[in-house]
N, C-alpha and C. Protein backbone atom coordinates (compact mmCIF):
# COMPACT_ATOMS: atom_id res chain seq x y z
N UNK A 1 -40.08 2.65 22.95
CA UNK A 1 -39.03 2.24 22.47
C UNK A 1 -37.90 3.31 22.58
N UNK A 2 -36.70 2.87 23.20
CA UNK A 2 -35.62 3.95 23.19
C UNK A 2 -34.76 3.85 22.01
N UNK A 3 -34.30 4.96 21.59
CA UNK A 3 -33.40 4.95 20.48
C UNK A 3 -31.94 4.99 21.02
N UNK A 4 -31.03 4.49 20.07
CA UNK A 4 -29.65 4.30 20.49
C UNK A 4 -29.16 5.65 20.33
N UNK A 5 -28.09 6.00 21.20
CA UNK A 5 -27.50 7.23 21.16
C UNK A 5 -26.89 7.41 19.64
N UNK A 6 -26.63 8.61 19.24
CA UNK A 6 -26.09 8.74 17.93
C UNK A 6 -24.65 8.26 17.89
N UNK A 7 -24.21 7.68 16.68
CA UNK A 7 -22.92 7.18 16.61
C UNK A 7 -21.97 8.36 16.48
N UNK A 8 -20.78 8.20 17.13
CA UNK A 8 -19.74 9.30 17.07
C UNK A 8 -18.80 8.95 15.85
N UNK A 9 -18.45 9.82 15.12
CA UNK A 9 -17.52 9.37 14.11
C UNK A 9 -16.21 9.04 14.50
N UNK A 10 -15.49 8.23 13.86
CA UNK A 10 -14.09 7.89 14.13
C UNK A 10 -13.24 9.10 13.83
N UNK A 11 -12.35 9.42 14.69
CA UNK A 11 -11.43 10.49 14.37
C UNK A 11 -10.64 10.30 13.07
N UNK A 12 -10.33 11.32 12.28
CA UNK A 12 -9.64 10.99 11.08
C UNK A 12 -8.28 10.34 11.08
N UNK A 13 -7.57 10.59 12.13
CA UNK A 13 -6.24 9.99 12.28
C UNK A 13 -6.42 8.61 12.43
N UNK A 14 -7.34 8.09 13.27
CA UNK A 14 -7.44 6.76 13.51
C UNK A 14 -7.96 6.04 12.31
N UNK A 15 -8.99 6.74 11.61
CA UNK A 15 -9.46 6.01 10.41
C UNK A 15 -8.43 5.91 9.43
N UNK A 16 -7.52 6.80 9.25
CA UNK A 16 -6.44 6.67 8.19
C UNK A 16 -5.53 5.57 8.59
N UNK A 17 -5.34 5.37 9.97
CA UNK A 17 -4.42 4.27 10.26
C UNK A 17 -5.08 2.93 10.20
N UNK A 18 -6.28 2.89 10.33
CA UNK A 18 -7.09 1.61 10.04
C UNK A 18 -7.05 1.25 8.64
N UNK A 19 -7.25 2.34 7.68
CA UNK A 19 -7.17 2.09 6.32
C UNK A 19 -5.84 1.57 5.78
N UNK A 20 -4.81 2.33 6.35
CA UNK A 20 -3.47 1.89 6.02
C UNK A 20 -3.18 0.48 6.51
N UNK A 21 -3.54 0.23 7.70
CA UNK A 21 -3.26 -1.18 8.24
C UNK A 21 -3.88 -2.29 7.39
N UNK A 22 -5.15 -1.95 7.13
CA UNK A 22 -5.91 -2.94 6.18
C UNK A 22 -5.21 -3.17 4.90
N UNK A 23 -4.68 -2.12 4.29
CA UNK A 23 -3.92 -2.29 3.03
C UNK A 23 -2.67 -3.15 3.15
N UNK A 24 -2.01 -2.89 4.22
CA UNK A 24 -0.72 -3.60 4.57
C UNK A 24 -1.09 -5.10 4.87
N UNK A 25 -2.07 -5.22 5.71
CA UNK A 25 -2.48 -6.74 6.08
C UNK A 25 -3.00 -7.45 4.80
N UNK A 26 -3.79 -6.76 3.94
CA UNK A 26 -4.16 -7.44 2.74
C UNK A 26 -3.18 -7.84 1.82
N UNK A 27 -2.18 -7.02 1.68
CA UNK A 27 -1.09 -7.19 0.87
C UNK A 27 -0.32 -8.45 1.39
N UNK A 28 0.07 -8.48 2.70
CA UNK A 28 0.72 -9.54 3.22
C UNK A 28 -0.04 -10.85 3.25
N UNK A 29 -1.37 -10.82 3.52
CA UNK A 29 -2.15 -12.02 3.30
C UNK A 29 -2.25 -12.55 1.90
N UNK A 30 -2.37 -11.61 0.86
CA UNK A 30 -2.27 -12.25 -0.48
C UNK A 30 -0.98 -12.69 -0.81
N UNK A 31 0.15 -12.18 -0.20
CA UNK A 31 1.40 -12.68 -0.60
C UNK A 31 1.56 -14.04 0.01
N UNK A 32 1.09 -14.22 1.23
CA UNK A 32 1.10 -15.62 1.91
C UNK A 32 0.36 -16.54 1.13
N UNK A 33 -0.79 -16.16 0.76
CA UNK A 33 -1.61 -17.17 0.06
C UNK A 33 -1.05 -17.55 -1.35
N UNK A 34 -0.54 -16.58 -2.02
CA UNK A 34 0.18 -16.77 -3.35
C UNK A 34 1.44 -17.70 -3.11
N UNK A 35 2.16 -17.50 -2.15
CA UNK A 35 3.32 -18.27 -1.85
C UNK A 35 2.89 -19.69 -1.60
N UNK A 36 1.91 -19.87 -0.79
CA UNK A 36 1.36 -21.28 -0.47
C UNK A 36 0.87 -21.84 -1.71
N UNK A 37 0.23 -21.19 -2.69
CA UNK A 37 -0.25 -21.71 -3.91
C UNK A 37 0.89 -22.11 -4.80
N UNK A 38 1.95 -21.31 -4.91
CA UNK A 38 3.12 -21.58 -5.77
C UNK A 38 4.05 -22.68 -5.26
N UNK A 39 4.29 -22.65 -3.89
CA UNK A 39 5.23 -23.47 -3.32
C UNK A 39 4.52 -24.81 -3.04
N UNK A 40 3.23 -24.75 -2.49
CA UNK A 40 2.44 -25.96 -2.19
C UNK A 40 2.29 -26.93 -3.43
N UNK A 41 2.05 -26.26 -4.59
CA UNK A 41 1.80 -27.22 -5.77
C UNK A 41 3.18 -27.29 -6.51
N UNK A 42 4.19 -26.72 -6.09
CA UNK A 42 5.47 -26.92 -6.75
C UNK A 42 5.59 -26.53 -8.17
N UNK A 43 4.63 -25.75 -8.53
CA UNK A 43 4.68 -25.27 -9.97
C UNK A 43 3.89 -24.03 -10.19
N UNK A 44 4.20 -23.32 -11.25
CA UNK A 44 3.33 -22.01 -11.50
C UNK A 44 2.34 -22.33 -12.51
N UNK A 45 1.65 -21.37 -13.08
CA UNK A 45 0.64 -21.60 -13.99
C UNK A 45 1.16 -21.95 -15.48
N UNK A 46 2.39 -21.91 -15.50
CA UNK A 46 3.01 -22.24 -16.94
C UNK A 46 3.23 -20.99 -17.77
N UNK A 47 3.05 -19.96 -17.19
CA UNK A 47 3.30 -18.64 -18.04
C UNK A 47 4.72 -18.38 -18.26
N UNK A 48 5.16 -17.94 -19.40
CA UNK A 48 6.45 -17.63 -19.64
C UNK A 48 7.09 -16.72 -18.53
N UNK A 49 8.42 -16.77 -18.20
CA UNK A 49 9.00 -16.07 -17.19
C UNK A 49 9.03 -14.56 -17.47
N UNK A 50 9.18 -14.36 -18.86
CA UNK A 50 9.29 -12.76 -19.14
C UNK A 50 7.90 -12.03 -18.82
N UNK A 51 6.82 -12.69 -18.64
CA UNK A 51 5.59 -12.13 -18.11
C UNK A 51 5.89 -11.63 -16.71
N UNK A 52 6.60 -12.46 -15.91
CA UNK A 52 6.74 -12.12 -14.59
C UNK A 52 7.73 -10.97 -14.47
N UNK A 53 8.80 -10.87 -15.47
CA UNK A 53 9.83 -9.76 -15.53
C UNK A 53 8.97 -8.54 -15.81
N UNK A 54 8.09 -8.60 -16.89
CA UNK A 54 7.40 -7.41 -17.18
C UNK A 54 6.55 -6.91 -16.03
N UNK A 55 5.85 -7.71 -15.32
CA UNK A 55 4.95 -7.29 -14.15
C UNK A 55 5.81 -6.81 -13.01
N UNK A 56 7.00 -7.32 -12.87
CA UNK A 56 7.98 -6.77 -11.92
C UNK A 56 8.48 -5.32 -12.32
N UNK A 57 8.60 -5.19 -13.59
CA UNK A 57 8.89 -3.97 -14.00
C UNK A 57 7.82 -2.79 -13.87
N UNK A 58 6.63 -3.39 -13.99
CA UNK A 58 5.42 -2.54 -13.79
C UNK A 58 5.38 -2.09 -12.32
N UNK A 59 5.62 -3.12 -11.54
CA UNK A 59 5.70 -2.73 -10.02
C UNK A 59 6.65 -1.78 -9.61
N UNK A 60 7.86 -1.94 -10.00
CA UNK A 60 9.00 -1.07 -9.69
C UNK A 60 8.68 0.38 -10.34
N UNK A 61 8.26 0.41 -11.53
CA UNK A 61 7.82 1.66 -12.08
C UNK A 61 6.72 2.32 -11.17
N UNK A 62 5.65 1.65 -10.77
CA UNK A 62 4.73 2.16 -9.94
C UNK A 62 5.39 2.83 -8.55
N UNK A 63 6.27 2.01 -8.02
CA UNK A 63 6.94 2.42 -6.80
C UNK A 63 7.82 3.68 -7.07
N UNK A 64 8.33 3.77 -8.10
CA UNK A 64 9.24 5.09 -8.56
C UNK A 64 8.13 6.20 -8.51
N UNK A 65 7.12 5.95 -9.22
CA UNK A 65 6.10 7.17 -9.28
C UNK A 65 5.56 7.49 -7.92
N UNK A 66 5.27 6.44 -7.12
CA UNK A 66 4.85 6.72 -5.76
C UNK A 66 5.86 7.37 -4.89
N UNK A 67 7.10 6.91 -5.02
CA UNK A 67 8.24 7.51 -4.06
C UNK A 67 8.66 8.93 -4.43
N UNK A 68 8.64 9.12 -5.72
CA UNK A 68 9.15 10.47 -6.09
C UNK A 68 8.06 11.48 -6.50
N UNK A 69 7.01 11.23 -7.22
CA UNK A 69 6.01 12.15 -7.48
C UNK A 69 4.98 12.30 -6.48
N UNK A 70 4.24 11.18 -6.03
CA UNK A 70 3.23 11.31 -5.25
C UNK A 70 3.58 11.57 -3.75
N UNK A 71 4.62 11.14 -3.14
CA UNK A 71 5.06 11.39 -1.91
C UNK A 71 5.37 12.80 -1.66
N UNK A 72 5.80 13.40 -2.72
CA UNK A 72 6.14 14.86 -2.54
C UNK A 72 4.99 15.60 -2.43
N UNK A 73 3.83 15.17 -2.96
CA UNK A 73 2.51 15.90 -2.93
C UNK A 73 1.73 15.80 -1.63
N UNK A 74 2.21 14.96 -0.61
CA UNK A 74 1.58 14.92 0.61
C UNK A 74 1.84 16.16 1.42
N UNK A 75 0.82 16.88 1.84
CA UNK A 75 1.04 18.13 2.50
C UNK A 75 1.92 18.00 3.89
N UNK A 76 2.70 18.98 4.19
CA UNK A 76 3.45 18.75 5.50
C UNK A 76 2.56 19.18 6.64
N UNK A 77 2.64 18.55 7.70
CA UNK A 77 1.98 18.90 8.97
C UNK A 77 2.65 20.03 9.56
N UNK A 78 1.83 21.16 9.90
CA UNK A 78 2.33 22.22 10.56
C UNK A 78 2.61 21.97 12.09
N UNK A 79 3.59 22.55 12.62
CA UNK A 79 3.81 22.28 14.07
C UNK A 79 2.79 22.52 15.05
N UNK A 80 1.97 23.53 14.78
CA UNK A 80 0.76 23.72 15.61
C UNK A 80 -0.57 23.00 15.25
N UNK A 81 -0.45 21.90 14.48
CA UNK A 81 -1.64 21.16 13.95
C UNK A 81 -1.68 19.80 14.58
N UNK A 82 -2.84 19.44 15.26
CA UNK A 82 -2.94 18.14 15.76
C UNK A 82 -3.02 17.11 14.67
N UNK A 83 -2.87 15.87 15.11
CA UNK A 83 -3.07 14.71 14.07
C UNK A 83 -4.36 14.74 13.55
N UNK A 84 -5.36 14.96 14.25
CA UNK A 84 -6.83 14.91 13.59
C UNK A 84 -7.08 16.22 12.56
N UNK A 85 -6.49 17.28 13.08
CA UNK A 85 -6.53 18.27 12.12
C UNK A 85 -5.70 18.10 10.81
N UNK A 86 -4.68 17.46 10.89
CA UNK A 86 -3.88 17.15 9.71
C UNK A 86 -4.69 16.24 8.87
N UNK A 87 -5.30 15.24 9.37
CA UNK A 87 -6.00 14.25 8.62
C UNK A 87 -7.35 14.69 8.26
N UNK A 88 -7.89 15.73 8.79
CA UNK A 88 -9.17 16.29 8.31
C UNK A 88 -9.15 17.02 7.10
N UNK A 89 -7.97 17.39 6.64
CA UNK A 89 -7.85 18.06 5.38
C UNK A 89 -8.07 17.11 4.14
N UNK A 90 -8.98 17.44 3.30
CA UNK A 90 -9.18 16.49 2.20
C UNK A 90 -7.94 16.33 1.37
N UNK A 91 -7.06 17.43 1.28
CA UNK A 91 -5.77 17.23 0.49
C UNK A 91 -4.97 16.20 1.04
N UNK A 92 -4.79 16.19 2.48
CA UNK A 92 -3.90 15.19 3.02
C UNK A 92 -4.51 13.77 2.83
N UNK A 93 -5.82 13.57 3.15
CA UNK A 93 -6.38 12.35 2.94
C UNK A 93 -6.29 11.83 1.54
N UNK A 94 -6.57 12.68 0.64
CA UNK A 94 -6.59 12.15 -0.83
C UNK A 94 -5.34 11.90 -1.45
N UNK A 95 -4.31 12.65 -1.10
CA UNK A 95 -2.92 12.45 -1.59
C UNK A 95 -2.32 11.12 -1.03
N UNK A 96 -2.73 10.99 0.37
CA UNK A 96 -2.18 9.76 1.01
C UNK A 96 -2.87 8.61 0.58
N UNK A 97 -4.09 8.46 0.42
CA UNK A 97 -4.79 7.40 -0.16
C UNK A 97 -4.27 7.06 -1.56
N UNK A 98 -4.15 8.11 -2.44
CA UNK A 98 -3.57 7.83 -3.80
C UNK A 98 -2.18 7.30 -3.60
N UNK A 99 -1.33 7.77 -2.75
CA UNK A 99 0.04 7.28 -2.62
C UNK A 99 -0.06 5.71 -2.18
N UNK A 100 -0.92 5.41 -1.12
CA UNK A 100 -1.08 4.08 -0.83
C UNK A 100 -1.61 3.17 -1.81
N UNK A 101 -2.60 3.62 -2.57
CA UNK A 101 -3.25 2.85 -3.72
C UNK A 101 -2.19 2.52 -4.77
N UNK A 102 -1.37 3.36 -5.13
CA UNK A 102 -0.23 3.14 -6.12
C UNK A 102 0.63 2.22 -5.68
N UNK A 103 1.14 2.29 -4.32
CA UNK A 103 2.01 1.25 -3.73
C UNK A 103 1.42 0.04 -3.70
N UNK A 104 0.03 -0.14 -3.36
CA UNK A 104 -0.63 -1.41 -3.19
C UNK A 104 -0.76 -1.96 -4.62
N UNK A 105 -0.97 -1.14 -5.62
CA UNK A 105 -1.10 -1.64 -7.05
C UNK A 105 0.28 -2.32 -7.53
N UNK A 106 1.27 -1.56 -7.21
CA UNK A 106 2.62 -2.17 -7.33
C UNK A 106 2.83 -3.61 -6.83
N UNK A 107 2.44 -3.65 -5.48
CA UNK A 107 2.52 -4.98 -4.73
C UNK A 107 1.59 -6.08 -5.52
N UNK A 108 0.44 -5.59 -5.98
CA UNK A 108 -0.43 -6.61 -6.68
C UNK A 108 0.24 -6.99 -7.98
N UNK A 109 0.78 -6.05 -8.73
CA UNK A 109 1.37 -6.49 -9.97
C UNK A 109 2.56 -7.46 -9.78
N UNK A 110 3.33 -7.27 -8.75
CA UNK A 110 4.54 -8.19 -8.39
C UNK A 110 3.84 -9.47 -7.94
N UNK A 111 2.77 -9.51 -7.20
CA UNK A 111 2.27 -10.78 -6.70
C UNK A 111 1.61 -11.61 -7.76
N UNK A 112 0.96 -10.95 -8.70
CA UNK A 112 0.43 -11.68 -9.86
C UNK A 112 1.48 -12.19 -10.69
N UNK A 113 2.58 -11.40 -10.90
CA UNK A 113 3.76 -11.91 -11.69
C UNK A 113 4.29 -13.22 -10.99
N UNK A 114 4.34 -13.14 -9.72
CA UNK A 114 4.98 -14.33 -8.92
C UNK A 114 3.97 -15.39 -9.13
N UNK A 115 2.67 -15.25 -8.88
CA UNK A 115 1.63 -16.34 -8.95
C UNK A 115 1.81 -17.00 -10.33
N UNK A 116 1.82 -16.13 -11.40
CA UNK A 116 1.63 -16.80 -12.72
C UNK A 116 3.10 -17.52 -13.22
N UNK A 117 4.23 -16.96 -12.75
CA UNK A 117 5.41 -17.55 -13.09
C UNK A 117 6.21 -18.29 -12.10
N UNK A 118 6.03 -18.07 -10.85
CA UNK A 118 6.76 -18.60 -9.72
C UNK A 118 8.12 -17.89 -9.62
N UNK A 119 8.36 -16.84 -10.35
CA UNK A 119 9.75 -16.27 -10.42
C UNK A 119 10.10 -15.51 -9.15
N UNK A 120 11.40 -15.45 -8.88
CA UNK A 120 12.02 -14.65 -7.78
C UNK A 120 11.82 -13.14 -8.00
N UNK A 121 12.10 -12.69 -9.23
CA UNK A 121 12.07 -11.20 -9.40
C UNK A 121 10.69 -10.61 -9.14
N UNK A 122 9.62 -11.16 -9.61
CA UNK A 122 8.26 -10.44 -9.21
C UNK A 122 8.08 -10.61 -7.69
N UNK A 123 8.55 -11.65 -7.13
CA UNK A 123 8.28 -11.82 -5.74
C UNK A 123 8.99 -10.78 -5.04
N UNK A 124 10.22 -10.59 -5.38
CA UNK A 124 10.97 -9.40 -4.82
C UNK A 124 10.46 -8.03 -5.01
N UNK A 125 9.88 -7.74 -6.10
CA UNK A 125 9.18 -6.68 -6.33
C UNK A 125 7.91 -6.38 -5.39
N UNK A 126 7.24 -7.58 -5.34
CA UNK A 126 6.14 -7.49 -4.30
C UNK A 126 6.51 -7.21 -2.93
N UNK A 127 7.57 -7.86 -2.49
CA UNK A 127 8.13 -7.64 -1.13
C UNK A 127 8.51 -6.08 -0.94
N UNK A 128 9.20 -5.58 -1.90
CA UNK A 128 9.72 -4.19 -1.95
C UNK A 128 8.48 -3.39 -1.83
N UNK A 129 7.34 -3.68 -2.63
CA UNK A 129 6.18 -2.94 -2.58
C UNK A 129 5.60 -2.79 -1.14
N UNK A 130 5.41 -3.97 -0.55
CA UNK A 130 4.81 -4.13 0.76
C UNK A 130 5.77 -3.23 1.81
N UNK A 131 7.03 -3.29 1.63
CA UNK A 131 7.94 -2.46 2.51
C UNK A 131 7.86 -1.05 2.32
N UNK A 132 7.61 -0.70 0.93
CA UNK A 132 7.32 0.72 0.71
C UNK A 132 5.96 1.26 1.27
N UNK A 133 5.02 0.34 1.12
CA UNK A 133 3.64 0.69 1.80
C UNK A 133 3.78 0.88 3.35
N UNK A 134 4.54 0.11 3.90
CA UNK A 134 4.81 0.21 5.30
C UNK A 134 5.69 1.45 5.55
N UNK A 135 6.59 1.81 4.82
CA UNK A 135 7.32 3.20 5.07
C UNK A 135 6.41 4.21 4.76
N UNK A 136 5.32 4.22 4.11
CA UNK A 136 4.43 5.28 3.89
C UNK A 136 3.36 5.40 4.96
N UNK A 137 3.64 4.74 5.99
CA UNK A 137 2.58 4.70 7.19
C UNK A 137 2.16 6.20 7.49
N UNK A 138 0.95 6.35 8.21
CA UNK A 138 0.56 7.60 8.53
C UNK A 138 1.55 8.38 9.45
N UNK A 139 2.05 7.76 10.44
CA UNK A 139 3.00 8.49 11.37
C UNK A 139 4.07 9.07 10.67
N UNK A 140 4.61 8.31 9.51
CA UNK A 140 5.73 8.78 8.86
C UNK A 140 5.28 9.99 8.03
N UNK A 141 4.15 9.92 7.55
CA UNK A 141 3.61 11.09 6.63
C UNK A 141 3.41 12.41 7.50
N UNK A 142 2.94 12.14 8.80
CA UNK A 142 2.63 13.19 9.76
C UNK A 142 4.05 13.85 10.10
N UNK A 143 5.00 13.05 10.30
CA UNK A 143 6.33 13.79 10.62
C UNK A 143 7.07 14.40 9.58
N UNK A 144 6.99 13.77 8.33
CA UNK A 144 7.80 14.25 7.30
C UNK A 144 6.93 15.09 6.21
N UNK A 145 5.78 14.97 6.20
CA UNK A 145 4.88 15.59 5.20
C UNK A 145 5.42 14.95 3.78
N UNK A 146 5.61 15.81 2.84
CA UNK A 146 5.95 15.34 1.45
C UNK A 146 7.46 15.36 1.43
N UNK A 147 8.31 15.68 2.51
CA UNK A 147 9.79 15.69 2.32
C UNK A 147 10.36 14.36 2.15
């Protein structure tokens, strides 16, 4: 019986791009499903609109934290550093994943507010969160670091 050759690990830069892409795709998919649920049924779950406003406020607050505090903590890529070397650092990976998780959480808060109330304000907060997550893509972090 022959053994399969050992699996080669995925380069760090590619792995981080895959993780980020999955986060963006899942947020967009959740947004599409929630829009179909709210628009398809023509009603929300009957939750008061102020709940949607509060969840939109939570989403925007999380985006402010991600944009100001967490983005600054992402290490800068040195000019002599390759993409894989940059992403091989646990500091880079950890702070980037935390940044993406907070932006993703902001999007989920907005989407849940939209699903519960059908309001435009939480929907706008969710769209803003998805756009921020796209703006925090790996290529952008590699170019700019925490700047």
